[in-house]
Amino acid sequence: MNVKSSLVVLLAGASMMFSSGCSSKKYVRQQTQPIIDKTNQLDDLTAKNNRDIHDVDTRAQQGIQGVNSKAAEADQKAIAAGQRADQAGTLASQANQRITTLANAVANLDNYHPVLETSVHFAFNKADLTPKAKEALDQLIAEIPNTKGYLVVVEGDTDSVGSDSYNYKLSERRADSVVQYLSSKNVPAHKMYIIGLGKDKFVADNKTSEGRAQNRRVDVRLMTNSTQEAPASAQSTAPNPSR
């Protein structure tokens, strides 16, 4: 074989080897590319799953915090409600004690005797205290510190004008005006016995304007159950207002 022939054979072999190498690389790329693509897809899916898990965890933590906050708020409200219930129970107990005291006093009213009596008068269809009425009440209040085991009896009255039901309510309003004034002067509520008698207890003839004016009144009596000798009863009546 001459030199030219040898060169031709060598070039042909090299060409075959190059062609074979290129074919192998292309084949490898064809076989591995789907695997690479699949791996990339899995990476993207894993990243997405991680983001979703993080979002779910964040929302879960927020939800837990919200529940905890609401639970703490509910606990505080329950504690506050319990405290209010305790306070209401205490007030109710105190009120029951005062009612019991007053009930016992009223039940034994026959054992009381008057220390001082006064009557305060009102204008027609009115329940407002006049200055003269307040002066009369102040005289009675001044005797309270010197009176042991006392009870204040407040009886409201009206004239005969109007229906029975209206006059009962009006007599109660007048008695309430006296009680409110006494309370403003630190006379305890449980020391007062209040009743509205309407037009049932009259002291003068309702056929005359003067008589009706005398019947528009509240009788107030300072009573005591003390066994000590009581002073002579005093009568202090505020002047009748004009009709």
C-alpha atoms as a PDB file:
ATOM      1  CA  MET A   1       0.000   0.000   0.000  1.00  0.00           C
ATOM      2  CA  ASN A   2       1.410   3.322  -0.999  1.00  0.00           C
ATOM      3  CA  VAL A   3       1.422   6.447   1.066  1.00  0.00           C
ATOM      4  CA  LYS A   4      -1.587   7.929  -0.666  1.00  0.00           C
ATOM      5  CA  SER A   5      -3.700   4.878  -0.035  1.00  0.00           C
ATOM      6  CA  SER A   6      -2.702   4.797   3.618  1.00  0.00           C
ATOM      7  CA  LEU A   7      -3.698   8.422   4.078  1.00  0.00           C
ATOM      8  CA  VAL A   8      -7.079   7.762   2.534  1.00  0.00           C
ATOM      9  CA  VAL A   9      -7.702   4.818   4.873  1.00  0.00           C
ATOM     10  CA  LEU A  10      -6.607   6.896   7.882  1.00  0.00           C
ATOM     11  CA  LEU A  11      -8.930   9.772   6.999  1.00  0.00           C
ATOM     12  CA  ALA A  12     -11.811   7.410   6.462  1.00  0.00           C
ATOM     13  CA  GLY A  13     -11.313   5.856   9.881  1.00  0.00           C
ATOM     14  CA  ALA A  14     -11.117   9.194  11.555  1.00  0.00           C
ATOM     15  CA  SER A  15     -14.298  10.280   9.843  1.00  0.00           C
ATOM     16  CA  MET A  16     -16.066   7.165  11.007  1.00  0.00           C
ATOM     17  CA  MET A  17     -14.881   7.716  14.555  1.00  0.00           C
ATOM     18  CA  PHE A  18     -16.021  11.381  14.528  1.00  0.00           C
ATOM     19  CA  SER A  19     -19.386  10.446  13.105  1.00  0.00           C
ATOM     20  CA  SER A  20     -19.746   7.736  15.705  1.00  0.00           C
ATOM     21  CA  GLY A  21     -18.815  10.173  18.523  1.00  0.00           C
ATOM     22  CA  CYS A  22     -21.341  12.775  17.390  1.00  0.00           C
ATOM     23  CA  SER A  23     -24.025  10.161  17.170  1.00  0.00           C
ATOM     24  CA  SER A  24     -23.259   8.980  20.698  1.00  0.00           C
ATOM     25  CA  LYS A  25     -23.492  12.507  22.155  1.00  0.00           C
ATOM     26  CA  LYS A  26     -26.749  13.171  20.389  1.00  0.00           C
ATOM     27  CA  TYR A  27     -28.130   9.890  21.646  1.00  0.00           C
ATOM     28  CA  VAL A  28     -27.056  10.673  25.173  1.00  0.00           C
ATOM     29  CA  ARG A  29     -28.719  14.094  24.991  1.00  0.00           C
ATOM     30  CA  GLN A  30     -31.909  12.534  23.669  1.00  0.00           C
ATOM     31  CA  GLN A  31     -31.955  10.030  26.501  1.00  0.00           C
ATOM     32  CA  THR A  32     -31.052  12.428  29.344  1.00  0.00           C
ATOM     33  CA  GLN A  33     -33.088  15.479  28.337  1.00  0.00           C
ATOM     34  CA  PRO A  34     -36.455  14.022  29.519  1.00  0.00           C
ATOM     35  CA  ILE A  35     -34.820  13.138  32.819  1.00  0.00           C
ATOM     36  CA  ILE A  36     -33.487  16.685  33.187  1.00  0.00           C
ATOM     37  CA  ASP A  37     -36.897  18.131  32.308  1.00  0.00           C
ATOM     38  CA  LYS A  38     -38.614  15.862  34.805  1.00  0.00           C
ATOM     39  CA  THR A  39     -36.110  16.826  37.487  1.00  0.00           C
ATOM     40  CA  ASN A  40     -36.755  20.519  36.838  1.00  0.00           C
ATOM     41  CA  GLN A  41     -40.493  19.937  37.085  1.00  0.00           C
ATOM     42  CA  LEU A  42     -40.017  18.128  40.395  1.00  0.00           C
ATOM     43  CA  ASP A  43     -37.880  20.996  41.667  1.00  0.00           C
ATOM     44  CA  ASP A  44     -40.596  23.517  40.731  1.00  0.00           C
ATOM     45  CA  LEU A  45     -43.283  21.380  42.343  1.00  0.00           C
ATOM     46  CA  THR A  46     -41.211  20.976  45.507  1.00  0.00           C
ATOM     47  CA  ALA A  47     -40.669  24.739  45.701  1.00  0.00           C
ATOM     48  CA  LYS A  48     -44.405  25.335  45.218  1.00  0.00           C
ATOM     49  CA  ASN A  49     -45.249  22.785  47.911  1.00  0.00           C
ATOM     50  CA  ASN A  50     -42.826  24.457  50.297  1.00  0.00           C
ATOM     51  CA  ARG A  51     -44.471  27.826  49.649  1.00  0.00           C
ATOM     52  CA  ASP A  52     -47.947  26.353  50.189  1.00  0.00           C
ATOM     53  CA  ILE A  53     -46.846  24.656  53.400  1.00  0.00           C
ATOM     54  CA  HIS A  54     -45.367  27.941  54.641  1.00  0.00           C
ATOM     55  CA  ASP A  55     -48.597  29.801  53.806  1.00  0.00           C
ATOM     56  CA  VAL A  56     -50.713  27.181  55.562  1.00  0.00           C
ATOM     57  CA  ASP A  57     -48.443  27.273  58.596  1.00  0.00           C
ATOM     58  CA  THR A  58     -48.610  31.072  58.696  1.00  0.00           C
ATOM     59  CA  ARG A  59     -52.422  31.050  58.539  1.00  0.00           C
ATOM     60  CA  ALA A  60     -52.537  28.323  61.164  1.00  0.00           C
ATOM     61  CA  GLN A  61     -50.343  30.346  63.520  1.00  0.00           C
ATOM     62  CA  GLN A  62     -52.510  33.419  62.949  1.00  0.00           C
ATOM     63  CA  GLY A  63     -55.611  31.358  63.622  1.00  0.00           C
ATOM     64  CA  ILE A  64     -54.128  29.955  66.825  1.00  0.00           C
ATOM     65  CA  GLN A  65     -53.182  33.445  67.989  1.00  0.00           C
ATOM     66  CA  GLY A  66     -56.709  34.671  67.207  1.00  0.00           C
ATOM     67  CA  VAL A  67     -58.261  31.798  69.131  1.00  0.00           C
ATOM     68  CA  ASN A  68     -55.937  32.409  72.068  1.00  0.00           C
ATOM     69  CA  SER A  69     -56.793  36.110  72.078  1.00  0.00           C
ATOM     70  CA  LYS A  70     -60.519  35.389  71.992  1.00  0.00           C
ATOM     71  CA  ALA A  71     -60.143  32.788  74.714  1.00  0.00           C
ATOM     72  CA  ALA A  72     -58.237  35.267  76.897  1.00  0.00           C
ATOM     73  CA  GLU A  73     -60.894  37.922  76.223  1.00  0.00           C
ATOM     74  CA  ALA A  74     -63.631  35.430  77.096  1.00  0.00           C
ATOM     75  CA  ASP A  75     -61.812  34.581  80.322  1.00  0.00           C
ATOM     76  CA  GLN A  76     -61.601  38.270  81.232  1.00  0.00           C
ATOM     77  CA  LYS A  77     -65.300  38.758  80.508  1.00  0.00           C
ATOM     78  CA  ALA A  78     -66.144  35.691  82.566  1.00  0.00           C
ATOM     79  CA  ILE A  79     -64.066  37.018  85.469  1.00  0.00           C
ATOM     80  CA  ALA A  80     -65.708  40.442  85.178  1.00  0.00           C
ATOM     81  CA  ALA A  81     -69.153  38.834  85.032  1.00  0.00           C
ATOM     82  CA  GLY A  82     -68.316  36.792  88.108  1.00  0.00           C
ATOM     83  CA  GLN A  83     -67.224  39.915  89.956  1.00  0.00           C
ATOM     84  CA  ARG A  84     -70.434  41.707  88.973  1.00  0.00           C
ATOM     85  CA  ALA A  85     -72.446  38.703  90.106  1.00  0.00           C
ATOM     86  CA  ASP A  86     -70.626  38.744  93.438  1.00  0.00           C
ATOM     87  CA  GLN A  87     -71.295  42.470  93.811  1.00  0.00           C
ATOM     88  CA  ALA A  88     -74.952  41.969  92.913  1.00  0.00           C
ATOM     89  CA  GLY A  89     -75.161  39.168  95.461  1.00  0.00           C
ATOM     90  CA  THR A  90     -73.632  41.405  98.115  1.00  0.00           C
ATOM     91  CA  LEU A  91     -76.026  44.254  97.303  1.00  0.00           C
ATOM     92  CA  ALA A  92     -78.967  41.855  97.306  1.00  0.00           C
ATOM     93  CA  SER A  93     -77.882  40.509 100.684  1.00  0.00           C
ATOM     94  CA  GLN A  94     -77.601  44.025 102.076  1.00  0.00           C
ATOM     95  CA  ALA A  95     -81.003  44.918 100.632  1.00  0.00           C
ATOM     96  CA  ASN A  96     -82.535  41.812 102.193  1.00  0.00           C
ATOM     97  CA  GLN A  97     -81.051  42.767 105.536  1.00  0.00           C
ATOM     98  CA  ARG A  98     -82.524  46.261 105.258  1.00  0.00           C
ATOM     99  CA  ILE A  99     -85.899  44.836 104.214  1.00  0.00           C
ATOM    100  CA  THR A 100     -85.826  42.407 107.116  1.00  0.00           C
ATOM    101  CA  THR A 101     -84.972  45.250 109.495  1.00  0.00           C
ATOM    102  CA  LEU A 102     -87.796  47.383 108.137  1.00  0.00           C
ATOM    103  CA  ALA A 103     -90.247  44.457 108.147  1.00  0.00           C
ATOM    104  CA  ASN A 104     -89.427  43.735 111.759  1.00  0.00           C
ATOM    105  CA  ALA A 105     -89.844  47.379 112.624  1.00  0.00           C
ATOM    106  CA  VAL A 106     -93.217  47.589 110.872  1.00  0.00           C
ATOM    107  CA  ALA A 107     -94.349  44.336 112.472  1.00  0.00           C
ATOM    108  CA  ASN A 108     -93.576  45.867 115.845  1.00  0.00           C
ATOM    109  CA  LEU A 109     -94.934  49.291 114.981  1.00  0.00           C
ATOM    110  CA  ASP A 110     -97.271  49.139 117.959  1.00  0.00           C
ATOM    111  CA  ASN A 111     -94.170  49.157 120.164  1.00  0.00           C
ATOM    112  CA  TYR A 112     -93.118  52.544 118.770  1.00  0.00           C
ATOM    113  CA  HIS A 113     -94.226  55.874 120.097  1.00  0.00           C
ATOM    114  CA  PRO A 114     -93.883  59.273 118.424  1.00  0.00           C
ATOM    115  CA  VAL A 115     -91.067  61.630 119.261  1.00  0.00           C
ATOM    116  CA  LEU A 116     -91.924  64.394 116.810  1.00  0.00           C
ATOM    117  CA  GLU A 117     -94.632  64.821 114.171  1.00  0.00           C
ATOM    118  CA  THR A 118     -94.935  67.235 111.295  1.00  0.00           C
ATOM    119  CA  SER A 119     -97.084  67.679 108.188  1.00  0.00           C
ATOM    120  CA  VAL A 120     -95.917  69.221 104.931  1.00  0.00           C
ATOM    121  CA  HIS A 121     -98.449  70.516 102.416  1.00  0.00           C
ATOM    122  CA  PHE A 122     -98.536  70.675  98.629  1.00  0.00           C
ATOM    123  CA  ALA A 123    -100.179  72.749  95.937  1.00  0.00           C
ATOM    124  CA  PHE A 124    -103.025  71.243  93.919  1.00  0.00           C
ATOM    125  CA  ASN A 125    -101.873  68.216  91.874  1.00  0.00           C
ATOM    126  CA  LYS A 126     -98.234  68.878  92.836  1.00  0.00           C
ATOM    127  CA  ALA A 127     -95.588  66.795  94.618  1.00  0.00           C
ATOM    128  CA  ASP A 128     -92.820  69.394  94.976  1.00  0.00           C
ATOM    129  CA  LEU A 129     -91.599  70.409  98.427  1.00  0.00           C
ATOM    130  CA  THR A 130     -91.909  74.081  99.264  1.00  0.00           C
ATOM    131  CA  PRO A 131     -89.207  75.922 101.250  1.00  0.00           C
ATOM    132  CA  LYS A 132     -91.537  75.954 104.274  1.00  0.00           C
ATOM    133  CA  ALA A 133     -91.978  72.185 103.961  1.00  0.00           C
ATOM    134  CA  LYS A 134     -88.224  71.692 103.931  1.00  0.00           C
ATOM    135  CA  GLU A 135     -87.865  73.848 107.047  1.00  0.00           C
ATOM    136  CA  ALA A 136     -90.398  71.653 108.846  1.00  0.00           C
ATOM    137  CA  LEU A 137     -88.554  68.511 107.785  1.00  0.00           C
ATOM    138  CA  ASP A 138     -85.249  69.994 108.911  1.00  0.00           C
ATOM    139  CA  GLN A 139     -86.694  70.435 112.411  1.00  0.00           C
ATOM    140  CA  LEU A 140     -87.623  66.756 112.492  1.00  0.00           C
ATOM    141  CA  ILE A 141     -84.237  65.682 111.104  1.00  0.00           C
ATOM    142  CA  ALA A 142     -82.468  67.637 113.848  1.00  0.00           C
ATOM    143  CA  GLU A 143     -84.051  65.338 116.447  1.00  0.00           C
ATOM    144  CA  ILE A 144     -82.904  62.089 114.811  1.00  0.00           C
ATOM    145  CA  PRO A 145     -79.363  62.002 116.318  1.00  0.00           C
ATOM    146  CA  ASN A 146     -80.955  62.223 119.785  1.00  0.00           C
ATOM    147  CA  THR A 147     -83.435  59.393 119.119  1.00  0.00           C
ATOM    148  CA  LYS A 148     -82.469  55.774 119.764  1.00  0.00           C
ATOM    149  CA  GLY A 149     -84.113  52.926 117.854  1.00  0.00           C
ATOM    150  CA  TYR A 150     -85.923  55.376 115.606  1.00  0.00           C
ATOM    151  CA  LEU A 151     -88.162  54.890 112.590  1.00  0.00           C
ATOM    152  CA  VAL A 152     -89.552  57.603 110.310  1.00  0.00           C
ATOM    153  CA  VAL A 153     -93.108  56.994 109.118  1.00  0.00           C
ATOM    154  CA  VAL A 154     -94.020  58.880 105.926  1.00  0.00           C
ATOM    155  CA  GLU A 155     -97.710  58.909 104.893  1.00  0.00           C
ATOM    156  CA  GLY A 156     -98.803  60.641 101.696  1.00  0.00           C
ATOM    157  CA  ASP A 157    -102.341  62.051 101.317  1.00  0.00           C
ATOM    158  CA  THR A 158    -104.455  63.935  98.771  1.00  0.00           C
ATOM    159  CA  ASP A 159    -107.742  65.765  98.560  1.00  0.00           C
ATOM    160  CA  SER A 160    -110.825  64.129  97.015  1.00  0.00           C
ATOM    161  CA  VAL A 161    -110.417  65.598  93.519  1.00  0.00           C
ATOM    162  CA  GLY A 162    -109.685  62.895  90.933  1.00  0.00           C
ATOM    163  CA  SER A 163    -109.976  59.117  90.765  1.00  0.00           C
ATOM    164  CA  ASP A 164    -108.891  56.783  93.514  1.00  0.00           C
ATOM    165  CA  SER A 165    -106.070  55.241  91.433  1.00  0.00           C
ATOM    166  CA  TYR A 166    -104.690  58.650  90.437  1.00  0.00           C
ATOM    167  CA  ASN A 167    -104.766  59.925  94.012  1.00  0.00           C
ATOM    168  CA  TYR A 168    -102.974  56.829  95.318  1.00  0.00           C
ATOM    169  CA  LYS A 169    -100.159  57.463  92.830  1.00  0.00           C
ATOM    170  CA  LEU A 170    -100.120  61.190  93.664  1.00  0.00           C
ATOM    171  CA  SER A 171     -99.906  60.445  97.390  1.00  0.00           C
ATOM    172  CA  GLU A 172     -96.987  58.081  96.720  1.00  0.00           C
ATOM    173  CA  ARG A 173     -95.215  60.759  94.680  1.00  0.00           C
ATOM    174  CA  ARG A 174     -95.612  63.231  97.528  1.00  0.00           C
ATOM    175  CA  ALA A 175     -94.298  60.698 100.034  1.00  0.00           C
ATOM    176  CA  ASP A 176     -91.372  59.959  97.709  1.00  0.00           C
ATOM    177  CA  SER A 177     -90.507  63.677  97.593  1.00  0.00           C
ATOM    178  CA  VAL A 178     -90.241  63.692 101.387  1.00  0.00           C
ATOM    179  CA  VAL A 179     -88.194  60.473 101.411  1.00  0.00           C
ATOM    180  CA  GLN A 180     -85.785  61.836  98.805  1.00  0.00           C
ATOM    181  CA  TYR A 181     -85.273  64.965 100.884  1.00  0.00           C
ATOM    182  CA  LEU A 182     -84.698  62.937 104.041  1.00  0.00           C
ATOM    183  CA  SER A 183     -82.251  60.704 102.146  1.00  0.00           C
ATOM    184  CA  SER A 184     -80.350  63.797 100.974  1.00  0.00           C
ATOM    185  CA  LYS A 185     -79.927  64.621 104.669  1.00  0.00           C
ATOM    186  CA  ASN A 186     -78.381  61.179 105.336  1.00  0.00           C
ATOM    187  CA  VAL A 187     -81.454  59.483 106.778  1.00  0.00           C
ATOM    188  CA  PRO A 188     -81.001  55.778 105.829  1.00  0.00           C
ATOM    189  CA  ALA A 189     -83.662  54.354 103.511  1.00  0.00           C
ATOM    190  CA  HIS A 190     -84.190  51.294 105.733  1.00  0.00           C
ATOM    191  CA  LYS A 191     -85.143  53.624 108.576  1.00  0.00           C
ATOM    192  CA  MET A 192     -88.178  54.961 106.690  1.00  0.00           C
ATOM    193  CA  TYR A 193     -91.621  53.390 106.385  1.00  0.00           C
ATOM    194  CA  ILE A 194     -93.495  54.826 103.396  1.00  0.00           C
ATOM    195  CA  ILE A 195     -97.134  54.565 102.402  1.00  0.00           C
ATOM    196  CA  GLY A 196     -99.461  56.386 100.023  1.00  0.00           C
ATOM    197  CA  LEU A 197    -103.014  56.625 101.349  1.00  0.00           C
ATOM    198  CA  GLY A 198    -104.566  58.627  98.535  1.00  0.00           C
ATOM    199  CA  LYS A 199    -107.707  60.434  99.676  1.00  0.00           C
ATOM    200  CA  ASP A 200    -108.603  57.811 102.281  1.00  0.00           C
ATOM    201  CA  LYS A 201    -107.199  59.630 105.319  1.00  0.00           C
ATOM    202  CA  PHE A 202    -108.498  63.173 105.337  1.00  0.00           C
ATOM    203  CA  VAL A 203    -108.236  65.635 108.200  1.00  0.00           C
ATOM    204  CA  ALA A 204    -110.628  68.268 106.877  1.00  0.00           C
ATOM    205  CA  ASP A 205    -113.806  68.522 104.832  1.00  0.00           C
ATOM    206  CA  ASN A 206    -113.082  68.122 101.117  1.00  0.00           C
ATOM    207  CA  LYS A 207    -116.145  70.222 100.242  1.00  0.00           C
ATOM    208  CA  THR A 208    -114.219  73.447 100.864  1.00  0.00           C
ATOM    209  CA  SER A 209    -111.027  74.721  99.273  1.00  0.00           C
ATOM    210  CA  GLU A 210    -109.496  75.252 102.722  1.00  0.00           C
ATOM    211  CA  GLY A 211    -110.282  71.677 103.712  1.00  0.00           C
ATOM    212  CA  ARG A 212    -108.881  70.257 100.482  1.00  0.00           C
ATOM    213  CA  ALA A 213    -105.686  72.290 100.983  1.00  0.00           C
ATOM    214  CA  GLN A 214    -105.237  70.727 104.430  1.00  0.00           C
ATOM    215  CA  ASN A 215    -105.688  67.248 102.964  1.00  0.00           C
ATOM    216  CA  ARG A 216    -102.969  67.735 100.331  1.00  0.00           C
ATOM    217  CA  ARG A 217    -100.175  66.747 102.688  1.00  0.00           C
ATOM    218  CA  VAL A 218     -97.596  64.237 103.879  1.00  0.00           C
ATOM    219  CA  ASP A 219     -97.594  63.328 107.547  1.00  0.00           C
ATOM    220  CA  VAL A 220     -94.114  62.577 108.901  1.00  0.00           C
ATOM    221  CA  ARG A 221     -93.602  61.006 112.308  1.00  0.00           C
ATOM    222  CA  LEU A 222     -90.315  60.336 114.049  1.00  0.00           C
ATOM    223  CA  MET A 223     -90.931  57.188 116.110  1.00  0.00           C
ATOM    224  CA  THR A 224     -88.829  55.318 118.644  1.00  0.00           C
ATOM    225  CA  ASN A 225     -88.988  51.932 120.339  1.00  0.00           C
ATOM    226  CA  SER A 226     -86.708  53.060 123.120  1.00  0.00           C
ATOM    227  CA  THR A 227     -87.919  52.282 126.612  1.00  0.00           C
ATOM    228  CA  GLN A 228     -86.646  55.635 127.785  1.00  0.00           C
ATOM    229  CA  GLU A 229     -89.314  58.200 128.479  1.00  0.00           C
ATOM    230  CA  ALA A 230     -90.064  60.099 125.309  1.00  0.00           C
ATOM    231  CA  PRO A 231     -90.280  63.889 125.250  1.00  0.00           C
ATOM    232  CA  ALA A 232     -93.626  65.511 124.644  1.00  0.00           C
ATOM    233  CA  SER A 233     -94.648  65.176 120.997  1.00  0.00           C
ATOM    234  CA  ALA A 234     -94.230  68.312 118.981  1.00  0.00           C
ATOM    235  CA  GLN A 235     -96.380  69.299 116.029  1.00  0.00           C
ATOM    236  CA  SER A 236     -94.773  71.365 113.275  1.00  0.00           C
ATOM    237  CA  THR A 237     -96.952  72.026 110.263  1.00  0.00           C
ATOM    238  CA  ALA A 238     -95.795  73.993 107.246  1.00  0.00           C
ATOM    239  CA  PRO A 239     -98.234  76.664 106.094  1.00  0.00           C
ATOM    240  CA  ASN A 240    -100.620  75.566 103.355  1.00  0.00           C
ATOM    241  CA  PRO A 241     -99.686  76.832  99.899  1.00  0.00           C
ATOM    242  CA  SER A 242    -102.354  78.580  97.933  1.00  0.00           C
ATOM    243  CA  ARG A 243    -104.583  76.509  95.716  1.00  0.00           C
END
